[in-house]
């Protein structure tokens, strides 16, 4: 059984307050039987706007897909319900 996570990420600071991030994650979870291999791929995009040195607004979107009809989940602790999943999240972060 093989396993591993490959990640590619890029950041671009559009303005001093606005940062764009894109990432792709690939999880190699081959078990030996091709019909059981999930091999999920996830694409993530994030926009972060700095209100101050310690406070940010953010918007994150993610899309995950597996192969061979295996289920995928964007959440670590949740079971998957399909071969693809999408998610959007917005929030505010304040560092103390």
N, C-alpha and C. Protein backbone atom coordinates (compact mmCIF):
# COMPACT_ATOMS: atom_id res chain seq x y z
N UNK A 1 0.84 -1.18 0.00
CA UNK A 1 0.00 0.00 0.00
C UNK A 1 0.88 1.24 0.00
N UNK A 2 0.62 2.14 -0.93
CA UNK A 2 1.37 3.39 -0.98
C UNK A 2 0.51 4.50 -0.40
N UNK A 3 1.15 5.56 -0.02
CA UNK A 3 0.40 6.70 0.49
C UNK A 3 1.27 7.92 0.50
N UNK A 4 0.66 9.07 0.32
CA UNK A 4 1.43 10.29 0.34
C UNK A 4 0.59 11.45 -0.13
N UNK A 5 1.00 12.64 0.22
CA UNK A 5 0.29 13.84 -0.15
C UNK A 5 1.24 14.75 -0.89
N UNK A 6 0.84 15.16 -2.08
CA UNK A 6 1.60 16.14 -2.85
C UNK A 6 0.79 17.42 -2.87
N UNK A 7 1.47 18.56 -2.72
CA UNK A 7 0.79 19.84 -2.68
C UNK A 7 1.54 20.84 -3.54
N UNK A 8 0.78 21.61 -4.29
CA UNK A 8 1.33 22.72 -5.06
C UNK A 8 0.55 23.96 -4.65
N UNK A 9 1.26 25.03 -4.30
CA UNK A 9 0.58 26.23 -3.81
C UNK A 9 1.26 27.47 -4.38
N UNK A 10 0.44 28.49 -4.66
CA UNK A 10 0.97 29.76 -5.16
C UNK A 10 0.23 30.90 -4.46
N UNK A 11 0.98 31.91 -4.06
CA UNK A 11 0.43 33.13 -3.45
C UNK A 11 0.73 34.31 -4.35
N UNK A 12 -0.21 35.25 -4.42
CA UNK A 12 0.01 36.48 -5.18
C UNK A 12 -0.58 37.63 -4.38
N UNK A 13 0.25 38.60 -4.04
CA UNK A 13 -0.21 39.77 -3.30
C UNK A 13 -0.62 40.83 -4.30
N UNK A 14 -1.93 40.95 -4.51
CA UNK A 14 -2.48 41.87 -5.49
C UNK A 14 -2.30 43.32 -5.06
N UNK A 15 -2.57 43.61 -3.79
CA UNK A 15 -2.34 44.92 -3.19
C UNK A 15 -1.73 44.66 -1.80
N UNK A 16 -1.29 45.68 -1.08
CA UNK A 16 -0.76 45.41 0.27
C UNK A 16 -1.77 44.72 1.20
N UNK A 17 -3.07 44.90 0.95
CA UNK A 17 -4.08 44.31 1.83
C UNK A 17 -4.72 43.04 1.25
N UNK A 18 -4.58 42.79 -0.06
CA UNK A 18 -5.29 41.70 -0.72
C UNK A 18 -4.33 40.63 -1.23
N UNK A 19 -4.52 39.40 -0.76
CA UNK A 19 -3.68 38.28 -1.17
C UNK A 19 -4.56 37.18 -1.76
N UNK A 20 -4.13 36.64 -2.90
CA UNK A 20 -4.81 35.52 -3.55
C UNK A 20 -3.94 34.28 -3.41
N UNK A 21 -4.55 33.14 -3.12
CA UNK A 21 -3.81 31.88 -2.98
C UNK A 21 -4.54 30.80 -3.75
N UNK A 22 -3.79 30.00 -4.47
CA UNK A 22 -4.33 28.83 -5.15
C UNK A 22 -3.51 27.61 -4.76
N UNK A 23 -4.17 26.48 -4.58
CA UNK A 23 -3.46 25.26 -4.18
C UNK A 23 -4.13 24.05 -4.80
N UNK A 24 -3.33 23.02 -5.04
CA UNK A 24 -3.82 21.73 -5.51
C UNK A 24 -3.21 20.66 -4.63
N UNK A 25 -4.02 19.75 -4.17
CA UNK A 25 -3.57 18.65 -3.31
C UNK A 25 -3.91 17.33 -4.00
N UNK A 26 -2.98 16.41 -3.97
CA UNK A 26 -3.15 15.09 -4.56
C UNK A 26 -2.78 14.06 -3.52
N UNK A 27 -3.71 13.16 -3.20
CA UNK A 27 -3.48 12.13 -2.19
C UNK A 27 -3.35 10.78 -2.90
N UNK A 28 -2.19 10.16 -2.80
CA UNK A 28 -1.95 8.86 -3.40
C UNK A 28 -2.33 7.77 -2.40
N UNK A 29 -3.50 7.17 -2.59
CA UNK A 29 -3.98 6.13 -1.68
C UNK A 29 -4.30 4.87 -2.46
N UNK A 30 -3.33 4.34 -3.13
CA UNK A 30 -3.55 3.13 -3.92
C UNK A 30 -3.42 1.90 -3.03
N UNK A 31 -4.40 1.03 -3.12
CA UNK A 31 -4.42 -0.16 -2.27
C UNK A 31 -3.97 -1.41 -3.01
N UNK A 32 -3.81 -1.34 -4.30
CA UNK A 32 -3.42 -2.51 -5.09
C UNK A 32 -4.52 -2.91 -6.05
N UNK A 33 -5.77 -2.82 -5.61
CA UNK A 33 -6.90 -3.13 -6.49
C UNK A 33 -7.36 -1.85 -7.17
N UNK A 34 -7.25 -1.74 -8.50
CA UNK A 34 -7.61 -0.48 -9.18
C UNK A 34 -9.02 0.01 -8.88
N UNK A 35 -9.98 -0.89 -8.69
CA UNK A 35 -11.35 -0.45 -8.43
C UNK A 35 -11.51 0.14 -7.04
N UNK A 36 -10.55 -0.10 -6.14
CA UNK A 36 -10.63 0.43 -4.78
C UNK A 36 -9.81 1.70 -4.60
N UNK A 37 -9.02 2.08 -5.60
CA UNK A 37 -8.17 3.27 -5.49
C UNK A 37 -9.00 4.53 -5.58
N UNK A 38 -8.85 5.42 -4.61
CA UNK A 38 -9.59 6.68 -4.61
C UNK A 38 -8.81 7.76 -5.36
N UNK A 39 -7.56 7.95 -5.05
CA UNK A 39 -6.66 8.94 -5.65
C UNK A 39 -7.36 10.31 -5.76
N UNK A 40 -7.76 10.91 -4.62
CA UNK A 40 -8.46 12.18 -4.67
C UNK A 40 -7.54 13.36 -5.02
N UNK A 41 -8.13 14.32 -5.72
CA UNK A 41 -7.46 15.58 -6.07
C UNK A 41 -8.36 16.70 -5.57
N UNK A 42 -7.76 17.71 -4.92
CA UNK A 42 -8.53 18.84 -4.42
C UNK A 42 -7.89 20.14 -4.90
N UNK A 43 -8.72 21.06 -5.38
CA UNK A 43 -8.28 22.39 -5.82
C UNK A 43 -8.89 23.41 -4.86
N UNK A 44 -8.06 24.36 -4.39
CA UNK A 44 -8.51 25.34 -3.40
C UNK A 44 -8.11 26.74 -3.87
N UNK A 45 -9.01 27.69 -3.71
CA UNK A 45 -8.72 29.09 -3.97
C UNK A 45 -9.08 29.91 -2.75
N UNK A 46 -8.24 30.87 -2.39
CA UNK A 46 -8.49 31.69 -1.19
C UNK A 46 -8.20 33.15 -1.50
N UNK A 47 -9.06 34.02 -1.04
CA UNK A 47 -8.86 35.46 -1.08
C UNK A 47 -8.82 35.95 0.36
N UNK A 48 -7.78 36.73 0.68
CA UNK A 48 -7.63 37.24 2.05
C UNK A 48 -7.46 38.75 1.97
N UNK A 49 -8.25 39.47 2.77
CA UNK A 49 -8.16 40.92 2.81
C UNK A 49 -7.80 41.34 4.23
N UNK A 50 -6.68 42.03 4.39
CA UNK A 50 -6.19 42.45 5.71
C UNK A 50 -6.87 43.76 6.11
N UNK A 51 -7.66 43.70 7.16
CA UNK A 51 -8.26 44.91 7.71
C UNK A 51 -7.26 45.68 8.57
N UNK A 52 -6.38 44.91 9.22
CA UNK A 52 -5.32 45.49 10.05
C UNK A 52 -4.20 44.45 10.12
N UNK A 53 -3.18 44.72 10.94
CA UNK A 53 -2.08 43.75 11.08
C UNK A 53 -2.55 42.42 11.65
N UNK A 54 -3.61 42.45 12.46
CA UNK A 54 -4.04 41.24 13.16
C UNK A 54 -5.40 40.72 12.73
N UNK A 55 -6.11 41.41 11.86
CA UNK A 55 -7.47 41.00 11.49
C UNK A 55 -7.60 40.88 9.97
N UNK A 56 -8.10 39.73 9.53
CA UNK A 56 -8.28 39.44 8.10
C UNK A 56 -9.71 38.99 7.83
N UNK A 57 -10.22 39.32 6.66
CA UNK A 57 -11.42 38.71 6.11
C UNK A 57 -10.95 37.69 5.08
N UNK A 58 -11.66 36.57 4.97
CA UNK A 58 -11.23 35.57 3.99
C UNK A 58 -12.43 34.91 3.32
N UNK A 59 -12.19 34.43 2.12
CA UNK A 59 -13.17 33.67 1.34
C UNK A 59 -12.41 32.51 0.71
N UNK A 60 -12.87 31.28 0.97
CA UNK A 60 -12.19 30.08 0.48
C UNK A 60 -13.19 29.23 -0.29
N UNK A 61 -12.76 28.72 -1.43
CA UNK A 61 -13.56 27.77 -2.21
C UNK A 61 -12.72 26.53 -2.49
N UNK A 62 -13.36 25.36 -2.45
CA UNK A 62 -12.63 24.11 -2.69
C UNK A 62 -13.47 23.17 -3.54
N UNK A 63 -12.78 22.35 -4.32
CA UNK A 63 -13.43 21.33 -5.16
C UNK A 63 -12.57 20.07 -5.09
N UNK A 64 -13.19 18.95 -4.77
CA UNK A 64 -12.46 17.68 -4.68
C UNK A 64 -13.14 16.65 -5.57
N UNK A 65 -12.33 15.76 -6.16
CA UNK A 65 -12.82 14.72 -7.05
C UNK A 65 -11.97 13.47 -6.87
N UNK A 66 -12.62 12.31 -6.92
CA UNK A 66 -11.89 11.04 -6.85
C UNK A 66 -12.10 10.26 -8.14
N UNK A 67 -11.33 9.20 -8.26
CA UNK A 67 -11.46 8.31 -9.42
C UNK A 67 -12.09 7.00 -9.00
N UNK A 68 -12.49 6.22 -9.96
CA UNK A 68 -13.03 4.87 -9.77
C UNK A 68 -14.29 4.84 -8.91
N UNK A 69 -15.06 5.92 -8.89
CA UNK A 69 -16.32 5.93 -8.16
C UNK A 69 -16.21 5.91 -6.65
N UNK A 70 -15.03 6.18 -6.12
CA UNK A 70 -14.86 6.21 -4.66
C UNK A 70 -15.38 7.53 -4.11
N UNK A 71 -15.83 7.53 -2.85
CA UNK A 71 -16.35 8.73 -2.21
C UNK A 71 -15.22 9.63 -1.74
N UNK A 72 -15.51 10.94 -1.70
CA UNK A 72 -14.53 11.93 -1.25
C UNK A 72 -15.21 12.88 -0.28
N UNK A 73 -14.43 13.44 0.63
CA UNK A 73 -14.94 14.42 1.58
C UNK A 73 -13.93 15.54 1.73
N UNK A 74 -14.39 16.78 1.78
CA UNK A 74 -13.51 17.91 2.01
C UNK A 74 -13.17 18.05 3.49
N UNK A 75 -14.00 17.52 4.35
CA UNK A 75 -13.76 17.58 5.79
C UNK A 75 -13.02 16.33 6.24
N UNK A 76 -12.06 16.51 7.11
CA UNK A 76 -11.24 15.39 7.56
C UNK A 76 -12.05 14.36 8.34
N UNK A 77 -13.02 14.79 9.13
CA UNK A 77 -13.75 13.88 10.01
C UNK A 77 -15.11 13.46 9.49
N UNK A 78 -15.46 13.85 8.28
CA UNK A 78 -16.76 13.51 7.72
C UNK A 78 -16.62 12.49 6.60
N UNK A 79 -17.58 11.59 6.51
CA UNK A 79 -17.57 10.60 5.42
C UNK A 79 -18.02 11.29 4.13
N UNK A 80 -17.50 10.80 3.01
CA UNK A 80 -17.89 11.35 1.73
C UNK A 80 -19.25 10.82 1.29
N UNK A 81 -19.95 11.59 0.45
CA UNK A 81 -21.26 11.19 -0.04
C UNK A 81 -21.32 11.16 -1.56
N UNK A 82 -20.20 11.34 -2.23
CA UNK A 82 -20.19 11.31 -3.68
C UNK A 82 -18.76 11.35 -4.19
N UNK A 83 -18.61 11.30 -5.51
CA UNK A 83 -17.27 11.31 -6.11
C UNK A 83 -16.71 12.71 -6.27
N UNK A 84 -17.55 13.73 -6.09
CA UNK A 84 -17.08 15.12 -6.11
C UNK A 84 -17.71 15.86 -4.94
N UNK A 85 -17.04 16.91 -4.49
CA UNK A 85 -17.58 17.77 -3.45
C UNK A 85 -17.08 19.19 -3.65
N UNK A 86 -17.94 20.16 -3.34
CA UNK A 86 -17.59 21.58 -3.44
C UNK A 86 -17.88 22.22 -2.09
N UNK A 87 -17.13 23.27 -1.79
CA UNK A 87 -17.32 23.97 -0.52
C UNK A 87 -16.93 25.43 -0.69
N UNK A 88 -17.65 26.32 0.01
CA UNK A 88 -17.30 27.73 0.08
C UNK A 88 -17.40 28.14 1.54
N UNK A 89 -16.42 28.91 1.99
CA UNK A 89 -16.40 29.33 3.38
C UNK A 89 -15.91 30.79 3.44
N UNK A 90 -16.55 31.58 4.27
CA UNK A 90 -16.15 32.98 4.48
C UNK A 90 -16.04 33.22 5.97
N UNK A 91 -15.15 34.11 6.35
CA UNK A 91 -15.00 34.37 7.78
C UNK A 91 -14.08 35.55 8.07
N UNK A 92 -13.89 35.73 9.36
CA UNK A 92 -12.98 36.76 9.85
C UNK A 92 -12.00 36.09 10.81
N UNK A 93 -10.75 36.45 10.71
CA UNK A 93 -9.72 35.90 11.59
C UNK A 93 -9.07 37.05 12.34
N UNK A 94 -8.99 36.90 13.66
CA UNK A 94 -8.31 37.89 14.48
C UNK A 94 -7.26 37.17 15.31
N UNK A 95 -6.03 37.61 15.24
CA UNK A 95 -4.94 36.99 15.99
C UNK A 95 -4.70 37.79 17.27
N UNK A 96 -4.72 37.10 18.39
CA UNK A 96 -4.51 37.73 19.69
C UNK A 96 -3.06 37.73 20.07
